[in-house]
Amino acid sequence: ESFPSVKNILLLDSEGKRVAVKYYSDDWPTNSSKLAFEKSVFTKTFKSNARAEAEISMFENNIVIYKFVQDLHFFVTGGDDENELILATVLQGFFDAVALLLRNNVDKMEALENLDLILLCLDEIVDGGIILETDASVIAGKVATHSMEADAPLSEQVMQLSIFLLVVPPTCKQIS
């Protein structure tokens, strides 16, 4: 029995151009085949109303789960034998983690300014196609701790720490 897996996670802008993408499958071996897939999936989905809730579509023998927020389009692709609910959970975890890290300013400009955090999110969610984590607060917390750099200005470290504490509140245990 195999683990649930993801073939790619795409974050595209409102014109179908890349913001952040990660491929975990050899289904698209060249950069041009990846770009062609992105263009095709965007063209097929951009007129849908996937703003309130995620939508599901079959595309080139793959299940594609997608959601649009402002000028960003989030996609998660799995094989046609994958569980749609698991793929939808990955998508929601990615979206919610990005929203936490961007303080709910989920738009292209903010995403590009914080691209390092978004790429770290992808690394925390999936490794080699295997789903590692889908809980947005755990993902955002790990990303926030990774992004705290020792050589960053103190004000930036304080800001990152406050984001981390908002995302992952400390647990207090009473000592008896």
C-alpha atoms as a PDB file:
ATOM      1  CA  GLU A   1       0.000   0.000   0.000  1.00  0.00           C
ATOM      2  CA  SER A   2       1.332   3.420  -0.894  1.00  0.00           C
ATOM      3  CA  PHE A   3       1.106   6.703   0.940  1.00  0.00           C
ATOM      4  CA  PRO A   4      -1.083   9.491  -0.424  1.00  0.00           C
ATOM      5  CA  SER A   5       1.044  11.656  -2.677  1.00  0.00           C
ATOM      6  CA  VAL A   6       1.026  14.966  -4.472  1.00  0.00           C
ATOM      7  CA  LYS A   7       2.375  15.522  -7.993  1.00  0.00           C
ATOM      8  CA  ASN A   8       2.700  19.289  -7.728  1.00  0.00           C
ATOM      9  CA  ILE A   9       1.634  22.376  -5.839  1.00  0.00           C
ATOM     10  CA  LEU A  10       1.171  25.525  -7.889  1.00  0.00           C
ATOM     11  CA  LEU A  11       0.661  29.127  -6.898  1.00  0.00           C
ATOM     12  CA  LEU A  12      -0.127  31.179 -10.001  1.00  0.00           C
ATOM     13  CA  ASP A  13      -1.184  34.782 -10.458  1.00  0.00           C
ATOM     14  CA  SER A  14      -4.407  35.985 -12.081  1.00  0.00           C
ATOM     15  CA  GLU A  15      -2.780  35.719 -15.525  1.00  0.00           C
ATOM     16  CA  GLY A  16      -1.579  32.145 -14.996  1.00  0.00           C
ATOM     17  CA  LYS A  17       2.052  33.104 -14.406  1.00  0.00           C
ATOM     18  CA  ARG A  18       4.182  31.427 -11.747  1.00  0.00           C
ATOM     19  CA  VAL A  19       4.450  32.840  -8.265  1.00  0.00           C
ATOM     20  CA  ALA A  20       5.695  29.645  -6.570  1.00  0.00           C
ATOM     21  CA  VAL A  21       5.604  26.073  -7.890  1.00  0.00           C
ATOM     22  CA  LYS A  22       6.976  22.716  -6.761  1.00  0.00           C
ATOM     23  CA  TYR A  23       6.858  19.515  -8.792  1.00  0.00           C
ATOM     24  CA  TYR A  24       7.244  16.117  -7.131  1.00  0.00           C
ATOM     25  CA  SER A  25       6.567  13.894 -10.144  1.00  0.00           C
ATOM     26  CA  ASP A  26       8.393  13.034 -13.355  1.00  0.00           C
ATOM     27  CA  ASP A  27       5.139  13.447 -15.317  1.00  0.00           C
ATOM     28  CA  TRP A  28       6.492  16.799 -16.511  1.00  0.00           C
ATOM     29  CA  PRO A  29      10.218  16.181 -17.152  1.00  0.00           C
ATOM     30  CA  THR A  30      11.077  19.512 -18.782  1.00  0.00           C
ATOM     31  CA  ASN A  31      10.506  23.105 -17.807  1.00  0.00           C
ATOM     32  CA  SER A  32       8.498  23.641 -20.998  1.00  0.00           C
ATOM     33  CA  SER A  33       6.186  20.708 -20.157  1.00  0.00           C
ATOM     34  CA  LYS A  34       5.681  22.158 -16.660  1.00  0.00           C
ATOM     35  CA  LEU A  35       4.863  25.584 -18.092  1.00  0.00           C
ATOM     36  CA  ALA A  36       2.468  23.992 -20.604  1.00  0.00           C
ATOM     37  CA  PHE A  37       0.685  22.121 -17.788  1.00  0.00           C
ATOM     38  CA  GLU A  38       0.400  25.316 -15.742  1.00  0.00           C
ATOM     39  CA  LYS A  39      -1.029  27.224 -18.709  1.00  0.00           C
ATOM     40  CA  SER A  40      -3.497  24.432 -19.510  1.00  0.00           C
ATOM     41  CA  VAL A  41      -4.736  23.986 -15.953  1.00  0.00           C
ATOM     42  CA  PHE A  42      -5.059  27.758 -15.523  1.00  0.00           C
ATOM     43  CA  THR A  43      -6.962  28.132 -18.810  1.00  0.00           C
ATOM     44  CA  LYS A  44      -9.339  25.328 -17.838  1.00  0.00           C
ATOM     45  CA  THR A  45     -10.058  26.688 -14.353  1.00  0.00           C
ATOM     46  CA  PHE A  46      -9.752  30.484 -14.346  1.00  0.00           C
ATOM     47  CA  LYS A  47     -13.407  31.128 -15.230  1.00  0.00           C
ATOM     48  CA  SER A  48     -14.691  28.948 -12.397  1.00  0.00           C
ATOM     49  CA  ASN A  49     -15.957  30.394  -9.159  1.00  0.00           C
ATOM     50  CA  ALA A  50     -13.459  28.737  -6.808  1.00  0.00           C
ATOM     51  CA  ARG A  51     -13.312  31.671  -4.412  1.00  0.00           C
ATOM     52  CA  ALA A  52     -15.583  30.541  -1.594  1.00  0.00           C
ATOM     53  CA  GLU A  53     -14.542  26.896  -1.551  1.00  0.00           C
ATOM     54  CA  ALA A  54     -12.029  24.697  -3.308  1.00  0.00           C
ATOM     55  CA  GLU A  55     -13.129  23.054  -6.556  1.00  0.00           C
ATOM     56  CA  ILE A  56     -12.135  19.681  -7.998  1.00  0.00           C
ATOM     57  CA  SER A  57     -11.398  18.917 -11.636  1.00  0.00           C
ATOM     58  CA  MET A  58     -10.005  15.995 -13.626  1.00  0.00           C
ATOM     59  CA  PHE A  59      -7.244  17.106 -15.948  1.00  0.00           C
ATOM     60  CA  GLU A  60      -4.867  14.948 -18.043  1.00  0.00           C
ATOM     61  CA  ASN A  61      -5.534  11.876 -15.828  1.00  0.00           C
ATOM     62  CA  ASN A  62      -4.902  13.923 -12.692  1.00  0.00           C
ATOM     63  CA  ILE A  63      -7.099  15.287  -9.957  1.00  0.00           C
ATOM     64  CA  VAL A  64      -6.599  19.026  -9.563  1.00  0.00           C
ATOM     65  CA  ILE A  65      -7.948  20.795  -6.482  1.00  0.00           C
ATOM     66  CA  TYR A  66      -7.907  24.574  -6.701  1.00  0.00           C
ATOM     67  CA  LYS A  67      -8.938  27.741  -4.919  1.00  0.00           C
ATOM     68  CA  PHE A  68      -8.651  31.397  -5.910  1.00  0.00           C
ATOM     69  CA  VAL A  69      -8.046  34.260  -3.502  1.00  0.00           C
ATOM     70  CA  GLN A  70      -7.726  37.840  -4.751  1.00  0.00           C
ATOM     71  CA  ASP A  71      -5.159  37.674  -7.571  1.00  0.00           C
ATOM     72  CA  LEU A  72      -3.683  34.296  -6.564  1.00  0.00           C
ATOM     73  CA  HIS A  73      -4.665  30.832  -7.772  1.00  0.00           C
ATOM     74  CA  PHE A  74      -3.716  27.863  -5.545  1.00  0.00           C
ATOM     75  CA  PHE A  75      -3.559  24.354  -7.095  1.00  0.00           C
ATOM     76  CA  VAL A  76      -2.717  20.883  -5.771  1.00  0.00           C
ATOM     77  CA  THR A  77      -2.411  18.014  -8.262  1.00  0.00           C
ATOM     78  CA  GLY A  78      -2.562  14.301  -7.511  1.00  0.00           C
ATOM     79  CA  GLY A  79      -2.937  11.137  -9.554  1.00  0.00           C
ATOM     80  CA  ASP A  80      -6.409  10.037 -10.636  1.00  0.00           C
ATOM     81  CA  ASP A  81      -6.325   7.357  -7.918  1.00  0.00           C
ATOM     82  CA  GLU A  82      -5.658   9.815  -5.068  1.00  0.00           C
ATOM     83  CA  ASN A  83      -8.238  10.694  -2.450  1.00  0.00           C
ATOM     84  CA  GLU A  84      -9.760  14.096  -3.262  1.00  0.00           C
ATOM     85  CA  LEU A  85     -10.310  14.890   0.410  1.00  0.00           C
ATOM     86  CA  ILE A  86      -6.629  14.395   1.195  1.00  0.00           C
ATOM     87  CA  LEU A  87      -5.628  16.633  -1.721  1.00  0.00           C
ATOM     88  CA  ALA A  88      -8.173  19.238  -0.589  1.00  0.00           C
ATOM     89  CA  THR A  89      -6.693  19.088   2.922  1.00  0.00           C
ATOM     90  CA  VAL A  90      -3.221  19.751   1.478  1.00  0.00           C
ATOM     91  CA  LEU A  91      -4.578  22.722  -0.473  1.00  0.00           C
ATOM     92  CA  GLN A  92      -6.369  24.140   2.562  1.00  0.00           C
ATOM     93  CA  GLY A  93      -3.283  23.650   4.758  1.00  0.00           C
ATOM     94  CA  PHE A  94      -1.122  25.470   2.207  1.00  0.00           C
ATOM     95  CA  PHE A  95      -3.602  28.317   1.785  1.00  0.00           C
ATOM     96  CA  ASP A  96      -4.194  28.744   5.531  1.00  0.00           C
ATOM     97  CA  ALA A  97      -0.444  28.658   6.325  1.00  0.00           C
ATOM     98  CA  VAL A  98       0.202  31.314   3.670  1.00  0.00           C
ATOM     99  CA  ALA A  99      -2.658  33.416   5.082  1.00  0.00           C
ATOM    100  CA  LEU A 100      -1.186  33.143   8.595  1.00  0.00           C
ATOM    101  CA  LEU A 101       2.311  34.079   7.451  1.00  0.00           C
ATOM    102  CA  LEU A 102       1.075  36.968   5.293  1.00  0.00           C
ATOM    103  CA  ARG A 103      -1.215  38.185   8.094  1.00  0.00           C
ATOM    104  CA  ASN A 104      -4.270  37.579   5.862  1.00  0.00           C
ATOM    105  CA  ASN A 105      -2.895  39.898   3.133  1.00  0.00           C
ATOM    106  CA  VAL A 106      -3.066  37.094   0.570  1.00  0.00           C
ATOM    107  CA  ASP A 107      -2.296  38.789  -2.732  1.00  0.00           C
ATOM    108  CA  LYS A 108       0.403  38.602  -5.387  1.00  0.00           C
ATOM    109  CA  MET A 109       2.456  41.569  -4.181  1.00  0.00           C
ATOM    110  CA  GLU A 110       2.567  40.311  -0.600  1.00  0.00           C
ATOM    111  CA  ALA A 111       3.309  36.767  -1.811  1.00  0.00           C
ATOM    112  CA  LEU A 112       6.240  37.940  -3.942  1.00  0.00           C
ATOM    113  CA  GLU A 113       7.635  40.003  -1.061  1.00  0.00           C
ATOM    114  CA  ASN A 114       7.482  36.892   1.145  1.00  0.00           C
ATOM    115  CA  LEU A 115       8.345  34.267  -1.461  1.00  0.00           C
ATOM    116  CA  ASP A 116      10.921  32.682   0.857  1.00  0.00           C
ATOM    117  CA  LEU A 117       8.192  31.952   3.420  1.00  0.00           C
ATOM    118  CA  ILE A 118       5.894  30.479   0.773  1.00  0.00           C
ATOM    119  CA  LEU A 119       8.645  28.195  -0.550  1.00  0.00           C
ATOM    120  CA  LEU A 120       9.417  27.086   3.020  1.00  0.00           C
ATOM    121  CA  CYS A 121       5.689  26.316   3.425  1.00  0.00           C
ATOM    122  CA  LEU A 122       5.846  24.023   0.413  1.00  0.00           C
ATOM    123  CA  ASP A 123       8.888  22.263   1.900  1.00  0.00           C
ATOM    124  CA  GLU A 124       7.062  21.716   5.200  1.00  0.00           C
ATOM    125  CA  ILE A 125       3.905  20.366   3.524  1.00  0.00           C
ATOM    126  CA  VAL A 126       5.318  17.883   0.987  1.00  0.00           C
ATOM    127  CA  ASP A 127       8.687  16.175   0.562  1.00  0.00           C
ATOM    128  CA  GLY A 128       9.273  14.191  -2.606  1.00  0.00           C
ATOM    129  CA  GLY A 129       5.532  13.956  -3.167  1.00  0.00           C
ATOM    130  CA  ILE A 130       4.841  12.524   0.300  1.00  0.00           C
ATOM    131  CA  ILE A 131       2.507  14.633   2.433  1.00  0.00           C
ATOM    132  CA  LEU A 132       4.252  15.601   5.677  1.00  0.00           C
ATOM    133  CA  GLU A 133       1.898  18.109   7.274  1.00  0.00           C
ATOM    134  CA  THR A 134      -1.477  19.720   6.593  1.00  0.00           C
ATOM    135  CA  ASP A 135      -2.091  21.676   9.815  1.00  0.00           C
ATOM    136  CA  ALA A 136      -1.630  25.334   8.875  1.00  0.00           C
ATOM    137  CA  SER A 137      -0.538  26.483  12.331  1.00  0.00           C
ATOM    138  CA  VAL A 138       2.135  23.769  12.512  1.00  0.00           C
ATOM    139  CA  ILE A 139       3.352  24.603   8.987  1.00  0.00           C
ATOM    140  CA  ALA A 140       3.437  28.359   9.656  1.00  0.00           C
ATOM    141  CA  GLY A 141       5.113  27.809  13.024  1.00  0.00           C
ATOM    142  CA  LYS A 142       7.907  25.734  11.489  1.00  0.00           C
ATOM    143  CA  VAL A 143       8.358  28.278   8.694  1.00  0.00           C
ATOM    144  CA  ALA A 144       8.494  31.144  11.201  1.00  0.00           C
ATOM    145  CA  THR A 145      11.202  29.402  13.234  1.00  0.00           C
ATOM    146  CA  HIS A 146      13.206  28.548  10.084  1.00  0.00           C
ATOM    147  CA  SER A 147      13.042  32.114   8.867  1.00  0.00           C
ATOM    148  CA  MET A 148      14.427  33.664  12.045  1.00  0.00           C
ATOM    149  CA  GLU A 149      17.936  34.552  11.024  1.00  0.00           C
ATOM    150  CA  ALA A 150      20.616  35.389  13.548  1.00  0.00           C
ATOM    151  CA  ASP A 151      21.968  38.214  11.396  1.00  0.00           C
ATOM    152  CA  ALA A 152      18.569  39.837  10.807  1.00  0.00           C
ATOM    153  CA  PRO A 153      17.944  43.206  12.486  1.00  0.00           C
ATOM    154  CA  LEU A 154      16.507  42.917  15.977  1.00  0.00           C
ATOM    155  CA  SER A 155      13.243  44.586  14.928  1.00  0.00           C
ATOM    156  CA  GLU A 156      12.768  41.944  12.214  1.00  0.00           C
ATOM    157  CA  GLN A 157      13.524  39.117  14.673  1.00  0.00           C
ATOM    158  CA  VAL A 158      10.969  40.546  17.126  1.00  0.00           C
ATOM    159  CA  MET A 159       8.388  40.755  14.320  1.00  0.00           C
ATOM    160  CA  GLN A 160       9.060  37.153  13.261  1.00  0.00           C
ATOM    161  CA  LEU A 161       8.905  35.945  16.855  1.00  0.00           C
ATOM    162  CA  SER A 162       5.587  37.721  17.397  1.00  0.00           C
ATOM    163  CA  ILE A 163       4.211  36.090  14.229  1.00  0.00           C
ATOM    164  CA  PHE A 164       5.441  32.728  15.490  1.00  0.00           C
ATOM    165  CA  LEU A 165       3.781  33.244  18.875  1.00  0.00           C
ATOM    166  CA  LEU A 166       0.530  34.293  17.196  1.00  0.00           C
ATOM    167  CA  VAL A 167       0.644  31.211  14.998  1.00  0.00           C
ATOM    168  CA  VAL A 168       1.791  28.745  17.654  1.00  0.00           C
ATOM    169  CA  PRO A 169       0.805  29.983  21.108  1.00  0.00           C
ATOM    170  CA  PRO A 170       3.024  28.631  23.871  1.00  0.00           C
ATOM    171  CA  THR A 171       1.541  25.947  26.074  1.00  0.00           C
ATOM    172  CA  CYS A 172       1.771  26.607  29.772  1.00  0.00           C
ATOM    173  CA  LYS A 173       1.900  23.771  32.236  1.00  0.00           C
ATOM    174  CA  GLN A 174       1.228  24.280  35.887  1.00  0.00           C
ATOM    175  CA  ILE A 175       3.946  22.876  38.094  1.00  0.00           C
ATOM    176  CA  SER A 176       2.575  21.222  41.184  1.00  0.00           C
END
